[in-house]
Amino acid sequence: MMTYDVIVVGARVAGAATAMLLARRGLRVLALDRVAFPSDTISSHQVQLPGVALLHRWGLLDQIRASGAPPTREVRFDTPEVVLQGRFPQHQGVDALYSPRRTVLDSVLVEAARAAGAQVRENFRVEELVFSDGRVTGVRGSERGGSSIVESASLVVGADGKHSMVAAAVGAASYRQRPVRAFASYTYWSGAPMIGGAIYQRPQRTVAVFPTNDNLTMVYVSAPLAEFGTFRADIEGHYLKTLDLCGDLGDRIRAATRAERIRTTPDQPNTLRRSHGPGWALVGDAGAVMDSISAQGISNALRDAQLLADAIAAGFDGTKPMAAALADHQRRRDRAIIPMYDFTTGLTRFRPRLVETALLASLQRKPGEVDRFLGVIAGAVPLDRYFAPANALRLLGLRGLARLARGRV
């Protein structure tokens, strides 16, 4: 029986990317997934600028473009108080985000993992982890209709999503948990073309509209979890009523053709988990997951795959002890994700902070700053620096700060 260097449980974005990167470094990698690709899944769709930059670095962006997923360079950010129109800034050689269907993105990454030399086994259900002296040494599972088998590895990586079996089996501790406050609902429309993207913030609602594959437009709605029961009783009716709050969007969508059913989910946990232990590591949503309202999940997963692959490679080549390398990965992951994590969970309150409202209002008088703000929401400009007091003073000026202090924007 072959012993692998790394077994990756889950072969969607985080898992396939991790498997690809490790195989490119010469490690023996087995990636397992219970589905066959192409396969769809609930998704936030947007690959934000940092994620696009990684796909470009890995040599995969041309395949996303060739799939018919159009680039989005311009965005309308529309709130009751202010409407901003701008372009994404250049970031590491890219200037657009993409919103591919998961049937496309996941398949591109799976095939890239195979091309790099990883073995990818589809329709394989991992049933349990195998332990020896308190250390994970492999997995037990079976192909559909087959008998149970054991695969062994020096390291098992859980890339099996927000309800990770791997995380549960090793007892990975959760921290910085935040309550679920919002649910998401989206579908695709034919005959509603978009040149750019649009984000609407309305009382108790956020709406995102972006072009995707097959000349379809993805329209996403986020609303408070407290309204989920009412919304579910008439999903399409409440969905369309929300779009009616967004200028002519409701009329445009009613004139279009719905291509698929409306997908609606309240399953949006917000938590970080310890990401490593003896013989195991976590990547992507298995280790850090947050609400889809900011559409950061795919880019977070791609970044985390790169960080974890770097750490694992350092452990195998002796640059660092594996335990130290994996601990460093968790620290780097948290530094990268926490500012946007906190911002995202704040968005699910559907009550913009006064300082954020004031900063947005100030951008109307500074058109050159709009692109930088769009870089913030695309994850390319550090969010904590943007909302820092020094930058607020630069954007608002002393008079603006005085108005803000008096509660007047």
Protein backbone atom coordinates (compact mmCIF):
# COMPACT_ATOMS: atom_id res chain seq x y z
CA MET A 1 0.00 0.00 0.00
CA MET A 2 1.36 3.40 -1.00
CA THR A 3 1.99 5.99 1.69
CA TYR A 4 1.44 9.55 0.51
CA ASP A 5 3.13 12.64 1.78
CA VAL A 6 -0.22 14.45 2.00
CA ILE A 7 -3.85 13.38 1.71
CA VAL A 8 -6.27 16.26 1.05
CA VAL A 9 -9.86 15.58 2.09
CA GLY A 10 -12.05 17.71 -0.19
CA ALA A 11 -11.10 18.81 -3.71
CA ARG A 12 -12.99 22.02 -4.29
CA VAL A 13 -11.30 25.43 -4.29
CA ALA A 14 -9.11 25.17 -1.18
CA GLY A 15 -8.42 21.45 -1.50
CA ALA A 16 -7.68 21.30 -5.22
CA ALA A 17 -5.46 24.40 -5.01
CA THR A 18 -3.54 22.95 -2.04
CA ALA A 19 -3.10 19.61 -3.83
CA MET A 20 -1.90 21.37 -6.99
CA LEU A 21 0.63 23.54 -5.18
CA LEU A 22 2.04 20.63 -3.17
CA ALA A 23 2.28 18.38 -6.21
CA ARG A 24 4.09 21.12 -8.10
CA ARG A 25 6.70 20.98 -5.33
CA GLY A 26 7.21 17.28 -5.89
CA LEU A 27 5.18 15.88 -2.98
CA ARG A 28 3.10 12.71 -3.34
CA VAL A 29 -0.46 13.96 -2.98
CA LEU A 30 -3.84 12.24 -2.92
CA ALA A 31 -6.96 14.43 -3.08
CA LEU A 32 -10.32 12.86 -2.26
CA ASP A 33 -13.84 14.17 -2.85
CA ARG A 34 -17.25 12.60 -2.45
CA VAL A 35 -18.56 14.17 -5.70
CA ALA A 36 -17.53 13.92 -9.34
CA PHE A 37 -16.51 17.08 -11.17
CA PRO A 38 -17.89 19.27 -12.64
CA SER A 39 -20.17 19.72 -9.66
CA ASP A 40 -22.02 22.78 -8.42
CA THR A 41 -22.20 24.05 -4.84
CA ILE A 42 -23.52 27.06 -2.92
CA SER A 43 -21.11 29.88 -3.68
CA SER A 44 -20.43 33.58 -3.24
CA HIS A 45 -19.05 33.54 -6.84
CA GLN A 46 -16.67 36.50 -6.80
CA VAL A 47 -12.97 35.78 -7.07
CA GLN A 48 -11.72 39.06 -5.65
CA LEU A 49 -8.54 40.78 -6.87
CA PRO A 50 -6.09 38.90 -4.60
CA GLY A 51 -7.64 35.59 -5.67
CA VAL A 52 -7.46 36.55 -9.34
CA ALA A 53 -3.81 37.52 -8.85
CA LEU A 54 -3.12 34.02 -7.48
CA LEU A 55 -4.88 32.33 -10.39
CA HIS A 56 -2.76 34.49 -12.70
CA ARG A 57 0.44 33.54 -10.84
CA TRP A 58 -0.49 29.84 -11.00
CA GLY A 59 -1.12 30.03 -14.77
CA LEU A 60 -4.86 29.34 -14.51
CA LEU A 61 -6.47 32.71 -15.23
CA ASP A 62 -6.54 32.18 -18.99
CA GLN A 63 -8.67 29.07 -18.44
CA ILE A 64 -11.17 31.06 -16.38
CA ARG A 65 -11.31 33.67 -19.13
CA ALA A 66 -11.69 30.99 -21.81
CA SER A 67 -14.65 29.52 -19.90
CA GLY A 68 -16.70 32.61 -20.71
CA ALA A 69 -16.60 34.12 -17.22
CA PRO A 70 -16.31 37.83 -18.07
CA PRO A 71 -14.01 40.20 -16.23
CA THR A 72 -15.59 42.85 -14.01
CA ARG A 73 -13.56 46.04 -13.93
CA GLU A 74 -16.23 48.62 -13.09
CA VAL A 75 -18.62 48.56 -10.16
CA ARG A 76 -21.55 50.68 -9.02
CA PHE A 77 -21.77 50.94 -5.23
CA ASP A 78 -25.25 52.18 -4.42
CA THR A 79 -26.54 53.15 -0.95
CA PRO A 80 -29.49 55.32 0.07
CA GLU A 81 -27.05 58.14 0.90
CA VAL A 82 -24.45 57.88 -1.86
CA VAL A 83 -23.89 56.30 -5.28
CA LEU A 84 -20.30 55.63 -6.33
CA GLN A 85 -19.07 54.42 -9.70
CA GLY A 86 -15.48 53.38 -10.23
CA ARG A 87 -12.92 50.84 -11.39
CA PHE A 88 -10.90 48.34 -9.45
CA PRO A 89 -7.27 49.37 -8.95
CA GLN A 90 -4.36 47.42 -10.35
CA HIS A 91 -3.28 44.68 -7.96
CA GLN A 92 -0.33 42.40 -8.62
CA GLY A 93 -0.84 42.49 -12.37
CA VAL A 94 -4.65 42.21 -12.47
CA ASP A 95 -7.39 44.83 -12.55
CA ALA A 96 -10.65 42.83 -12.62
CA LEU A 97 -12.52 40.30 -10.58
CA TYR A 98 -14.30 37.26 -12.03
CA SER A 99 -17.48 35.47 -10.96
CA PRO A 100 -17.21 31.97 -12.45
CA ARG A 101 -19.69 29.22 -11.79
CA ARG A 102 -18.32 26.64 -9.40
CA THR A 103 -18.82 23.97 -12.07
CA VAL A 104 -16.10 25.87 -13.94
CA LEU A 105 -13.73 27.07 -11.21
CA ASP A 106 -13.55 23.84 -9.24
CA SER A 107 -12.99 21.78 -12.41
CA VAL A 108 -10.16 24.05 -13.54
CA LEU A 109 -8.42 23.61 -10.18
CA VAL A 110 -9.01 19.83 -10.06
CA GLU A 111 -7.53 19.37 -13.51
CA ALA A 112 -4.58 21.61 -12.59
CA ALA A 113 -3.96 19.40 -9.54
CA ARG A 114 -3.96 16.31 -11.77
CA ALA A 115 -1.68 17.97 -14.29
CA ALA A 116 0.75 18.77 -11.47
CA GLY A 117 0.93 15.08 -10.54
CA ALA A 118 -1.59 14.82 -7.71
CA GLN A 119 -3.88 11.80 -7.70
CA VAL A 120 -7.48 13.02 -7.52
CA ARG A 121 -10.06 10.40 -6.60
CA GLU A 122 -13.68 11.42 -7.14
CA ASN A 123 -16.82 9.78 -5.72
CA PHE A 124 -14.82 8.78 -2.65
CA ARG A 125 -16.39 9.28 0.76
CA VAL A 126 -13.99 9.63 3.68
CA GLU A 127 -15.66 7.92 6.62
CA GLU A 128 -13.11 8.47 9.38
CA LEU A 129 -9.54 9.41 10.15
CA VAL A 130 -6.98 6.81 11.13
CA PHE A 131 -4.92 7.51 14.26
CA SER A 132 -1.77 6.00 15.71
CA ASP A 133 -0.48 7.07 19.14
CA GLY A 134 -2.63 10.22 19.02
CA ARG A 135 -1.41 11.22 15.57
CA VAL A 136 -3.45 11.24 12.35
CA THR A 137 -1.87 8.78 9.92
CA GLY A 138 -4.46 8.44 7.20
CA VAL A 139 -8.11 8.06 6.26
CA ARG A 140 -10.61 5.25 5.90
CA GLY A 141 -13.28 5.49 3.22
CA SER A 142 -14.82 3.98 0.13
CA GLU A 143 -15.75 4.67 -3.43
CA ARG A 144 -19.43 4.54 -4.29
CA GLY A 145 -20.50 0.89 -3.99
CA GLY A 146 -17.00 -0.25 -3.04
CA SER A 147 -15.47 -1.74 0.06
CA SER A 148 -13.78 0.31 2.75
CA ILE A 149 -10.07 0.99 2.29
CA VAL A 150 -7.35 2.81 4.23
CA GLU A 151 -4.98 5.36 2.68
CA SER A 152 -1.96 6.50 4.68
CA ALA A 153 -0.05 9.77 4.69
CA SER A 154 2.40 11.80 6.74
CA LEU A 155 -0.14 14.63 6.85
CA VAL A 156 -3.91 14.79 6.31
CA VAL A 157 -5.35 18.15 5.24
CA GLY A 158 -9.02 18.86 5.87
CA ALA A 159 -10.40 20.92 2.98
CA ASP A 160 -13.90 19.61 3.52
CA GLY A 161 -15.76 22.83 4.15
CA LYS A 162 -17.46 24.67 6.97
CA HIS A 163 -18.83 21.46 8.53
CA SER A 164 -15.48 19.71 8.24
CA MET A 165 -15.41 16.07 9.26
CA VAL A 166 -11.65 16.36 9.68
CA ALA A 167 -12.00 19.31 12.07
CA ALA A 168 -14.63 17.45 14.08
CA ALA A 169 -12.59 14.23 14.23
CA VAL A 170 -9.49 15.97 15.61
CA GLY A 171 -11.47 18.28 17.90
CA ALA A 172 -10.14 21.46 16.30
CA ALA A 173 -10.98 24.28 18.72
CA SER A 174 -13.08 27.18 17.45
CA TYR A 175 -12.44 30.79 18.40
CA ARG A 176 -13.54 34.30 17.46
CA GLN A 177 -16.99 32.87 16.76
CA ARG A 178 -19.76 35.29 15.81
CA PRO A 179 -23.48 34.51 15.58
CA VAL A 180 -25.15 33.81 12.25
CA ARG A 181 -27.14 36.96 11.48
CA ALA A 182 -27.93 36.72 7.76
CA PHE A 183 -29.12 34.32 5.09
CA ALA A 184 -28.29 34.36 1.40
CA SER A 185 -30.42 33.86 -1.71
CA TYR A 186 -29.30 33.92 -5.34
CA THR A 187 -29.92 32.66 -8.84
CA TYR A 188 -28.97 33.32 -12.46
CA TRP A 189 -30.81 35.32 -15.10
CA SER A 190 -30.67 35.28 -18.89
CA GLY A 191 -31.43 38.49 -20.75
CA ALA A 192 -30.17 40.85 -18.04
CA PRO A 193 -26.68 41.73 -19.31
CA MET A 194 -24.22 43.59 -17.11
CA ILE A 195 -21.17 45.48 -18.34
CA GLY A 196 -19.81 45.79 -14.81
CA GLY A 197 -20.98 44.78 -11.37
CA ALA A 198 -23.30 46.42 -8.87
CA ILE A 199 -23.62 46.33 -5.10
CA TYR A 200 -26.70 47.82 -3.43
CA GLN A 201 -26.99 48.47 0.27
CA ARG A 202 -30.56 49.01 1.39
CA PRO A 203 -32.23 48.96 4.81
CA GLN A 204 -31.97 45.35 6.02
CA ARG A 205 -30.72 44.18 2.62
CA THR A 206 -27.57 43.84 0.52
CA VAL A 207 -27.81 42.97 -3.18
CA ALA A 208 -24.97 42.03 -5.53
CA VAL A 209 -25.24 41.73 -9.32
CA PHE A 210 -22.36 40.30 -11.38
CA PRO A 211 -21.97 38.64 -14.78
CA THR A 212 -21.00 34.95 -14.87
CA ASN A 213 -20.63 32.13 -17.39
CA ASP A 214 -23.00 31.40 -20.29
CA ASN A 215 -24.08 35.06 -20.62
CA LEU A 216 -25.91 34.79 -17.32
CA THR A 217 -26.14 37.37 -14.55
CA MET A 218 -25.89 36.26 -10.93
CA VAL A 219 -28.14 38.24 -8.57
CA TYR A 220 -27.56 37.73 -4.86
CA VAL A 221 -29.61 38.95 -1.88
CA SER A 222 -28.57 38.97 1.78
CA ALA A 223 -31.11 39.66 4.54
CA PRO A 224 -31.38 39.29 8.34
CA LEU A 225 -31.71 35.74 9.60
CA ALA A 226 -34.74 36.80 11.67
CA GLU A 227 -36.66 37.16 8.39
CA PHE A 228 -35.74 33.73 7.04
CA GLY A 229 -39.03 32.05 7.92
CA THR A 230 -41.10 34.74 6.23
CA PHE A 231 -38.80 34.85 3.21
CA ARG A 232 -38.88 31.07 2.78
CA ALA A 233 -42.69 31.07 2.60
CA ASP A 234 -42.49 32.96 -0.73
CA ILE A 235 -38.87 32.95 -1.85
CA GLU A 236 -39.31 34.36 -5.34
CA GLY A 237 -41.80 36.99 -4.24
CA HIS A 238 -39.61 38.33 -1.43
CA TYR A 239 -36.49 38.06 -3.60
CA LEU A 240 -38.07 40.21 -6.33
CA LYS A 241 -39.46 42.70 -3.81
CA THR A 242 -35.91 43.20 -2.58
CA LEU A 243 -34.72 43.90 -6.12
CA ASP A 244 -37.50 46.50 -6.46
CA LEU A 245 -35.66 48.53 -3.81
CA CYS A 246 -32.67 48.87 -6.16
CA GLY A 247 -33.64 51.43 -8.79
CA ASP A 248 -34.77 49.72 -12.00
CA LEU A 249 -33.18 46.38 -11.10
CA GLY A 250 -36.51 44.74 -10.26
CA ASP A 251 -38.01 45.71 -13.63
CA ARG A 252 -34.92 44.52 -15.50
CA ILE A 253 -34.93 41.16 -13.77
CA ARG A 254 -38.66 40.67 -14.28
CA ALA A 255 -38.08 41.21 -18.00
CA ALA A 256 -35.33 38.56 -17.96
CA THR A 257 -35.59 34.76 -17.74
CA ARG A 258 -34.62 32.86 -14.62
CA ALA A 259 -32.17 30.14 -15.66
CA GLU A 260 -32.25 28.04 -12.48
CA ARG A 261 -34.03 27.70 -9.17
CA ILE A 262 -33.35 30.27 -6.47
CA ARG A 263 -30.89 28.90 -3.94
CA THR A 264 -31.40 30.07 -0.38
CA THR A 265 -29.36 29.17 2.69
CA PRO A 266 -29.20 30.25 6.34
CA ASP A 267 -26.11 28.06 6.84
CA GLN A 268 -23.50 30.83 7.17
CA PRO A 269 -21.36 30.24 10.25
CA ASN A 270 -18.67 32.69 11.33
CA THR A 271 -15.75 31.02 13.06
CA LEU A 272 -12.01 30.48 13.04
CA ARG A 273 -10.58 27.09 14.02
CA ARG A 274 -7.21 25.90 15.21
CA SER A 275 -5.72 24.78 11.92
CA HIS A 276 -3.09 22.19 12.84
CA GLY A 277 -2.13 19.35 15.12
CA PRO A 278 -0.21 16.04 15.05
CA GLY A 279 -0.55 14.76 11.49
CA TRP A 280 -3.32 17.12 10.42
CA ALA A 281 -4.04 20.61 9.09
CA LEU A 282 -7.08 22.56 7.92
CA VAL A 283 -7.46 24.85 4.91
CA GLY A 284 -10.21 27.07 3.48
CA ASP A 285 -13.65 27.03 5.10
CA ALA A 286 -12.64 24.04 7.21
CA GLY A 287 -10.35 26.37 9.15
CA ALA A 288 -11.87 29.84 8.72
CA VAL A 289 -15.36 30.61 7.46
CA MET A 290 -17.53 33.73 7.39
CA ASP A 291 -20.78 35.07 5.96
CA SER A 292 -21.03 35.39 2.17
CA ILE A 293 -22.23 39.02 2.31
CA SER A 294 -18.74 40.30 1.47
CA ALA A 295 -18.06 37.54 -1.12
CA GLN A 296 -14.54 36.86 0.19
CA GLY A 297 -14.76 33.08 0.59
CA ILE A 298 -13.17 31.97 -2.68
CA SER A 299 -10.29 34.42 -2.44
CA ASN A 300 -9.74 33.49 1.21
CA ALA A 301 -9.57 29.82 0.19
CA LEU A 302 -7.03 30.46 -2.58
CA ARG A 303 -4.84 32.56 -0.31
CA ASP A 304 -5.04 30.00 2.48
CA ALA A 305 -4.07 27.22 0.06
CA GLN A 306 -0.93 29.15 -0.88
CA LEU A 307 -0.06 29.86 2.76
CA LEU A 308 -0.61 26.26 3.83
CA ALA A 309 1.26 24.81 0.86
CA ASP A 310 4.24 27.04 1.69
CA ALA A 311 4.15 25.86 5.30
CA ILE A 312 3.84 22.16 4.42
CA ALA A 313 6.66 22.41 1.89
CA ALA A 314 8.86 24.07 4.51
CA GLY A 315 8.09 21.23 6.90
CA PHE A 316 8.91 18.51 4.39
CA ASP A 317 12.12 20.06 3.10
CA GLY A 318 13.42 20.70 6.61
CA THR A 319 13.37 24.50 6.43
CA LYS A 320 11.27 24.38 9.62
CA PRO A 321 9.96 21.64 11.87
CA MET A 322 6.50 20.73 10.54
CA ALA A 323 4.73 21.71 13.77
CA ALA A 324 6.38 25.14 13.72
CA ALA A 325 5.60 25.63 10.04
CA LEU A 326 1.92 24.78 10.55
CA ALA A 327 1.69 27.07 13.58
CA ASP A 328 3.18 29.85 11.45
CA HIS A 329 0.52 29.15 8.81
CA GLN A 330 -2.25 29.71 11.35
CA ARG A 331 -0.74 33.01 12.48
CA ARG A 332 -0.36 34.23 8.90
CA ARG A 333 -3.88 33.10 8.02
CA ASP A 334 -5.36 34.97 10.96
CA ARG A 335 -3.43 38.16 10.23
CA ALA A 336 -4.70 38.06 6.67
CA ILE A 337 -8.34 37.27 7.37
CA ILE A 338 -9.30 38.89 10.69
CA PRO A 339 -9.79 42.53 9.52
CA MET A 340 -12.17 41.43 6.75
CA TYR A 341 -13.74 38.80 9.01
CA ASP A 342 -14.65 41.45 11.59
CA PHE A 343 -15.87 43.84 8.87
CA THR A 344 -17.97 41.11 7.27
CA THR A 345 -19.66 40.05 10.50
CA GLY A 346 -20.37 43.74 11.11
CA LEU A 347 -22.10 43.99 7.73
CA THR A 348 -24.56 41.28 8.77
CA ARG A 349 -26.00 43.67 11.34
CA PHE A 350 -27.34 45.73 8.39
CA ARG A 351 -26.56 48.92 10.32
CA PRO A 352 -23.67 50.82 8.71
CA ARG A 353 -21.46 52.55 11.24
CA LEU A 354 -21.57 56.33 11.18
CA VAL A 355 -17.87 56.60 10.33
CA GLU A 356 -18.33 54.30 7.32
CA THR A 357 -21.30 56.36 6.09
CA ALA A 358 -19.26 59.54 6.50
CA LEU A 359 -16.30 58.14 4.60
CA LEU A 360 -18.51 57.03 1.73
CA ALA A 361 -20.12 60.47 1.56
CA SER A 362 -16.68 62.07 1.42
CA LEU A 363 -15.78 60.02 -1.67
CA GLN A 364 -18.39 61.84 -3.75
CA ARG A 365 -16.17 64.90 -3.48
CA LYS A 366 -13.02 62.89 -4.23
CA PRO A 367 -13.63 60.80 -7.36
CA GLY A 368 -10.03 59.60 -7.41
CA GLU A 369 -10.61 57.84 -4.08
CA VAL A 370 -13.51 55.73 -5.32
CA ASP A 371 -11.22 53.23 -7.03
CA ARG A 372 -9.23 52.82 -3.81
CA PHE A 373 -12.45 52.16 -1.87
CA LEU A 374 -13.42 49.51 -4.42
CA GLY A 375 -10.00 48.00 -3.83
CA VAL A 376 -10.91 47.77 -0.14
CA ILE A 377 -14.10 45.79 -0.72
CA ALA A 378 -12.23 43.62 -3.24
CA GLY A 379 -9.65 42.74 -0.60
CA ALA A 380 -6.74 44.41 -2.39
CA VAL A 381 -6.37 47.49 -0.15
CA PRO A 382 -5.92 46.67 3.57
CA LEU A 383 -9.26 47.34 5.22
CA ASP A 384 -7.88 48.13 8.66
CA ARG A 385 -5.60 50.79 7.20
CA TYR A 386 -8.39 52.32 5.14
CA PHE A 387 -10.64 52.81 8.17
CA ALA A 388 -7.76 53.88 10.42
CA PRO A 389 -8.06 57.33 12.06
CA ALA A 390 -5.25 58.81 9.94
CA ASN A 391 -6.99 57.90 6.69
CA ALA A 392 -10.36 59.03 8.04
CA LEU A 393 -8.82 62.42 8.80
CA ARG A 394 -7.34 62.60 5.31
CA LEU A 395 -10.68 61.82 3.66
CA LEU A 396 -13.04 63.72 5.96
CA GLY A 397 -10.92 66.70 6.95
CA LEU A 398 -11.31 68.49 10.24
CA ARG A 399 -14.79 69.80 9.40
CA GLY A 400 -15.97 66.35 8.45
CA LEU A 401 -14.63 64.90 11.67
CA ALA A 402 -16.37 67.64 13.61
CA ARG A 403 -19.69 66.85 11.90
CA LEU A 404 -19.13 63.17 12.61
CA ALA A 405 -18.48 63.92 16.29
CA ARG A 406 -21.82 65.78 16.41
CA GLY A 407 -23.56 62.81 14.75
CA ARG A 408 -24.12 64.68 11.50
CA VAL A 409 -22.74 63.23 8.26
